[in-house]
Structure formats: structure tokens, C-alpha cells
Amino acid sequence: MEQFRIEVAIEGRGRFYEIKPLGNARYEISENAEVIGTIQLDEKDHAHCESQGCELDLPALHAIRQGIQAHEGWNDTFGHL
């Protein structure tokens, strides 16, 4: 599992996050080389996720979720973007 980088639009501005897959649909989120939390995606309900220790608000978290799903090529995701 290789780390990757995504850009998401938050409040009209592009922000970059480094994403490190941890296995079992769990990902570590970093910004500027600082870990800001983890996200657990629900592989059965692609519109659902849980965060742990995240310093992000809900719109940012959902934008990151969508970016991860797009990067990972989840087939059902594109109906939720």
C-alpha cells in the first residue's frame, strides 16, 4: 500500500492532503507532513465514513472521502460524487 496525495476544494480553495492506506479501508490523513487523523471508509455504504482524531469539519472530511474513493477507483462511488 503506497501513500498518495489528493487535492480537495474546501471553501473554494484547493487543499492538499497526504493519504496513507492502513488496510481494511482505513487511511491516515496528513497535511504538511503532520498527521491530522484517520478515516475509516464503509465499503458497503460508500457515502458513509467514520473519523478518529480528525481536526477536520464534516465538509472537508467528506471531500477527502470522495478523493480517496476516486483514487482507489471504487466503482459505486461516482454516483455519490
N, C-alpha and C. Protein backbone atom coordinates (compact mmCIF):
# COMPACT_ATOMS: atom_id res chain seq x y z
N MET A 1 0.85 -1.18 0.00
CA MET A 1 0.00 0.00 0.00
C MET A 1 0.90 1.24 0.00
N GLU A 2 0.70 2.05 -1.02
CA GLU A 2 1.53 3.23 -1.15
C GLU A 2 0.76 4.49 -0.78
N GLN A 3 1.49 5.41 -0.19
CA GLN A 3 0.92 6.70 0.16
C GLN A 3 0.63 7.46 -1.13
N PHE A 4 -0.43 8.28 -1.12
CA PHE A 4 -0.75 9.12 -2.27
C PHE A 4 -1.22 10.47 -1.78
N ARG A 5 -1.34 11.39 -2.71
CA ARG A 5 -1.71 12.76 -2.37
C ARG A 5 -2.97 13.12 -3.14
N ILE A 6 -3.89 13.81 -2.48
CA ILE A 6 -5.10 14.27 -3.15
C ILE A 6 -5.26 15.77 -2.92
N GLU A 7 -5.96 16.42 -3.83
CA GLU A 7 -6.31 17.82 -3.67
C GLU A 7 -7.83 17.88 -3.61
N VAL A 8 -8.35 18.57 -2.62
CA VAL A 8 -9.80 18.75 -2.50
C VAL A 8 -10.10 20.23 -2.35
N ALA A 9 -11.27 20.62 -2.83
CA ALA A 9 -11.71 22.01 -2.71
C ALA A 9 -12.48 22.17 -1.40
N ILE A 10 -12.00 23.06 -0.57
CA ILE A 10 -12.66 23.35 0.71
C ILE A 10 -12.83 24.86 0.79
N GLU A 11 -14.09 25.29 0.86
CA GLU A 11 -14.44 26.71 0.89
C GLU A 11 -13.81 27.46 -0.29
N GLY A 12 -13.87 26.81 -1.46
CA GLY A 12 -13.38 27.45 -2.68
C GLY A 12 -11.88 27.44 -2.87
N ARG A 13 -11.14 26.82 -1.97
CA ARG A 13 -9.67 26.77 -2.08
C ARG A 13 -9.22 25.31 -2.15
N GLY A 14 -8.23 25.07 -3.00
CA GLY A 14 -7.67 23.74 -3.09
C GLY A 14 -6.74 23.47 -1.91
N ARG A 15 -6.89 22.31 -1.29
CA ARG A 15 -6.02 21.91 -0.19
C ARG A 15 -5.47 20.54 -0.50
N PHE A 16 -4.21 20.33 -0.16
CA PHE A 16 -3.56 19.05 -0.43
C PHE A 16 -3.43 18.25 0.86
N TYR A 17 -3.69 16.95 0.73
CA TYR A 17 -3.56 16.02 1.86
C TYR A 17 -2.79 14.79 1.40
N GLU A 18 -1.94 14.30 2.26
CA GLU A 18 -1.25 13.05 2.02
C GLU A 18 -2.09 11.95 2.67
N ILE A 19 -2.30 10.88 1.94
CA ILE A 19 -3.15 9.79 2.41
C ILE A 19 -2.31 8.52 2.45
N LYS A 20 -2.32 7.86 3.58
CA LYS A 20 -1.56 6.62 3.75
C LYS A 20 -2.54 5.49 4.07
N PRO A 21 -2.68 4.52 3.15
CA PRO A 21 -3.55 3.38 3.43
C PRO A 21 -3.02 2.56 4.61
N LEU A 22 -3.89 2.23 5.54
CA LEU A 22 -3.52 1.43 6.71
C LEU A 22 -4.09 0.01 6.63
N GLY A 23 -4.89 -0.26 5.61
CA GLY A 23 -5.53 -1.56 5.47
C GLY A 23 -6.96 -1.53 5.96
N ASN A 24 -7.75 -2.46 5.47
CA ASN A 24 -9.16 -2.58 5.86
C ASN A 24 -9.94 -1.28 5.69
N ALA A 25 -9.70 -0.57 4.57
CA ALA A 25 -10.40 0.68 4.23
C ALA A 25 -10.16 1.80 5.25
N ARG A 26 -9.04 1.73 5.97
CA ARG A 26 -8.64 2.79 6.91
C ARG A 26 -7.49 3.56 6.32
N TYR A 27 -7.51 4.89 6.48
CA TYR A 27 -6.50 5.75 5.89
C TYR A 27 -6.06 6.81 6.91
N GLU A 28 -4.78 7.08 6.93
CA GLU A 28 -4.21 8.14 7.75
C GLU A 28 -4.16 9.40 6.89
N ILE A 29 -4.59 10.52 7.44
CA ILE A 29 -4.62 11.79 6.72
C ILE A 29 -3.57 12.72 7.32
N SER A 30 -2.71 13.26 6.45
CA SER A 30 -1.68 14.20 6.88
C SER A 30 -1.77 15.47 6.04
N GLU A 31 -1.38 16.56 6.65
CA GLU A 31 -1.29 17.84 5.95
C GLU A 31 0.03 18.48 6.36
N ASN A 32 0.83 18.85 5.37
CA ASN A 32 2.15 19.42 5.64
C ASN A 32 2.98 18.52 6.54
N ALA A 33 2.97 17.22 6.24
CA ALA A 33 3.73 16.19 6.96
C ALA A 33 3.30 16.00 8.41
N GLU A 34 2.15 16.53 8.79
CA GLU A 34 1.62 16.36 10.15
C GLU A 34 0.33 15.55 10.10
N VAL A 35 0.28 14.45 10.83
CA VAL A 35 -0.92 13.61 10.86
C VAL A 35 -2.05 14.37 11.54
N ILE A 36 -3.20 14.43 10.85
CA ILE A 36 -4.34 15.15 11.42
C ILE A 36 -5.51 14.23 11.72
N GLY A 37 -5.33 12.92 11.50
CA GLY A 37 -6.37 11.97 11.87
C GLY A 37 -6.42 10.79 10.93
N THR A 38 -7.41 9.93 11.17
CA THR A 38 -7.64 8.77 10.30
C THR A 38 -9.10 8.73 9.91
N ILE A 39 -9.35 8.06 8.80
CA ILE A 39 -10.71 7.90 8.30
C ILE A 39 -10.92 6.43 7.99
N GLN A 40 -12.07 5.92 8.35
CA GLN A 40 -12.46 4.54 8.07
C GLN A 40 -13.62 4.60 7.09
N LEU A 41 -13.40 4.11 5.88
CA LEU A 41 -14.47 4.11 4.88
C LEU A 41 -15.32 2.87 5.03
N ASP A 42 -16.60 3.02 4.73
CA ASP A 42 -17.53 1.90 4.77
C ASP A 42 -17.61 1.33 3.36
N GLU A 43 -17.06 0.14 3.17
CA GLU A 43 -17.01 -0.46 1.84
C GLU A 43 -18.39 -0.87 1.32
N LYS A 44 -19.37 -1.00 2.19
CA LYS A 44 -20.72 -1.37 1.77
C LYS A 44 -21.57 -0.13 1.48
N ASP A 45 -21.37 0.93 2.22
CA ASP A 45 -22.10 2.19 2.03
C ASP A 45 -21.07 3.28 1.76
N HIS A 46 -20.80 3.52 0.49
CA HIS A 46 -19.72 4.44 0.10
C HIS A 46 -19.98 5.89 0.50
N ALA A 47 -21.19 6.23 0.90
CA ALA A 47 -21.48 7.58 1.35
C ALA A 47 -21.20 7.75 2.85
N HIS A 48 -20.78 6.67 3.52
CA HIS A 48 -20.57 6.69 4.96
C HIS A 48 -19.10 6.51 5.28
N CYS A 49 -18.65 7.20 6.31
CA CYS A 49 -17.29 7.00 6.81
C CYS A 49 -17.26 7.42 8.28
N GLU A 50 -16.22 7.00 8.98
CA GLU A 50 -16.01 7.39 10.37
C GLU A 50 -14.61 7.95 10.49
N SER A 51 -14.45 8.95 11.34
CA SER A 51 -13.12 9.52 11.55
C SER A 51 -12.69 9.29 12.99
N GLN A 52 -11.38 9.30 13.18
CA GLN A 52 -10.81 9.15 14.51
C GLN A 52 -9.75 10.22 14.69
N GLY A 53 -9.91 11.05 15.67
CA GLY A 53 -8.92 12.07 15.97
C GLY A 53 -8.74 13.12 14.89
N CYS A 54 -9.75 13.31 14.05
CA CYS A 54 -9.63 14.25 12.93
C CYS A 54 -9.90 15.67 13.39
N GLU A 55 -9.09 16.58 12.85
CA GLU A 55 -9.26 18.00 13.12
C GLU A 55 -10.03 18.69 12.00
N LEU A 56 -10.77 17.91 11.22
CA LEU A 56 -11.46 18.44 10.05
C LEU A 56 -12.95 18.55 10.28
N ASP A 57 -13.57 19.56 9.63
CA ASP A 57 -15.02 19.66 9.73
C ASP A 57 -15.65 18.67 8.74
N LEU A 58 -16.94 18.48 8.83
CA LEU A 58 -17.64 17.48 8.04
C LEU A 58 -17.50 17.69 6.52
N PRO A 59 -17.66 18.91 5.99
CA PRO A 59 -17.50 19.08 4.54
C PRO A 59 -16.09 18.69 4.07
N ALA A 60 -15.08 19.04 4.82
CA ALA A 60 -13.70 18.67 4.45
C ALA A 60 -13.52 17.17 4.51
N LEU A 61 -14.04 16.55 5.54
CA LEU A 61 -13.92 15.10 5.70
C LEU A 61 -14.60 14.36 4.54
N HIS A 62 -15.77 14.82 4.13
CA HIS A 62 -16.47 14.19 3.01
C HIS A 62 -15.73 14.43 1.69
N ALA A 63 -15.14 15.60 1.52
CA ALA A 63 -14.36 15.86 0.31
C ALA A 63 -13.15 14.92 0.25
N ILE A 64 -12.50 14.70 1.38
CA ILE A 64 -11.37 13.78 1.44
C ILE A 64 -11.83 12.36 1.16
N ARG A 65 -12.96 11.96 1.75
CA ARG A 65 -13.53 10.63 1.49
C ARG A 65 -13.73 10.43 -0.01
N GLN A 66 -14.33 11.40 -0.66
CA GLN A 66 -14.58 11.29 -2.10
C GLN A 66 -13.28 11.23 -2.88
N GLY A 67 -12.27 12.00 -2.46
CA GLY A 67 -10.97 11.96 -3.13
C GLY A 67 -10.30 10.60 -2.99
N ILE A 68 -10.39 10.02 -1.82
CA ILE A 68 -9.81 8.68 -1.59
C ILE A 68 -10.55 7.66 -2.46
N GLN A 69 -11.87 7.72 -2.46
CA GLN A 69 -12.65 6.77 -3.24
C GLN A 69 -12.33 6.90 -4.72
N ALA A 70 -12.19 8.11 -5.22
CA ALA A 70 -11.86 8.32 -6.63
C ALA A 70 -10.47 7.77 -6.93
N HIS A 71 -9.52 8.01 -6.05
CA HIS A 71 -8.17 7.50 -6.24
C HIS A 71 -8.14 5.97 -6.24
N GLU A 72 -8.89 5.38 -5.35
CA GLU A 72 -8.91 3.92 -5.21
C GLU A 72 -9.77 3.25 -6.29
N GLY A 73 -10.55 4.06 -7.04
CA GLY A 73 -11.35 3.52 -8.13
C GLY A 73 -12.56 2.73 -7.68
N TRP A 74 -13.18 3.12 -6.59
CA TRP A 74 -14.38 2.43 -6.10
C TRP A 74 -15.47 2.65 -7.15
N ASN A 75 -15.95 1.59 -7.75
CA ASN A 75 -16.89 1.66 -8.87
C ASN A 75 -18.19 2.35 -8.51
N ASP A 76 -18.75 2.10 -7.35
CA ASP A 76 -20.05 2.67 -6.99
C ASP A 76 -19.94 4.12 -6.55
N THR A 77 -18.74 4.60 -6.32
CA THR A 77 -18.52 5.93 -5.76
C THR A 77 -19.06 7.04 -6.62
N PHE A 78 -18.90 6.93 -7.93
CA PHE A 78 -19.15 8.06 -8.78
C PHE A 78 -20.60 8.52 -8.77
N GLY A 79 -21.51 7.70 -8.33
CA GLY A 79 -22.90 8.13 -8.16
C GLY A 79 -23.05 9.04 -6.96
N HIS A 80 -22.07 9.03 -6.04
CA HIS A 80 -22.16 9.83 -4.83
C HIS A 80 -21.34 11.11 -4.89
N LEU A 81 -20.57 11.32 -5.96
CA LEU A 81 -19.70 12.49 -6.04
C LEU A 81 -20.48 13.73 -6.34
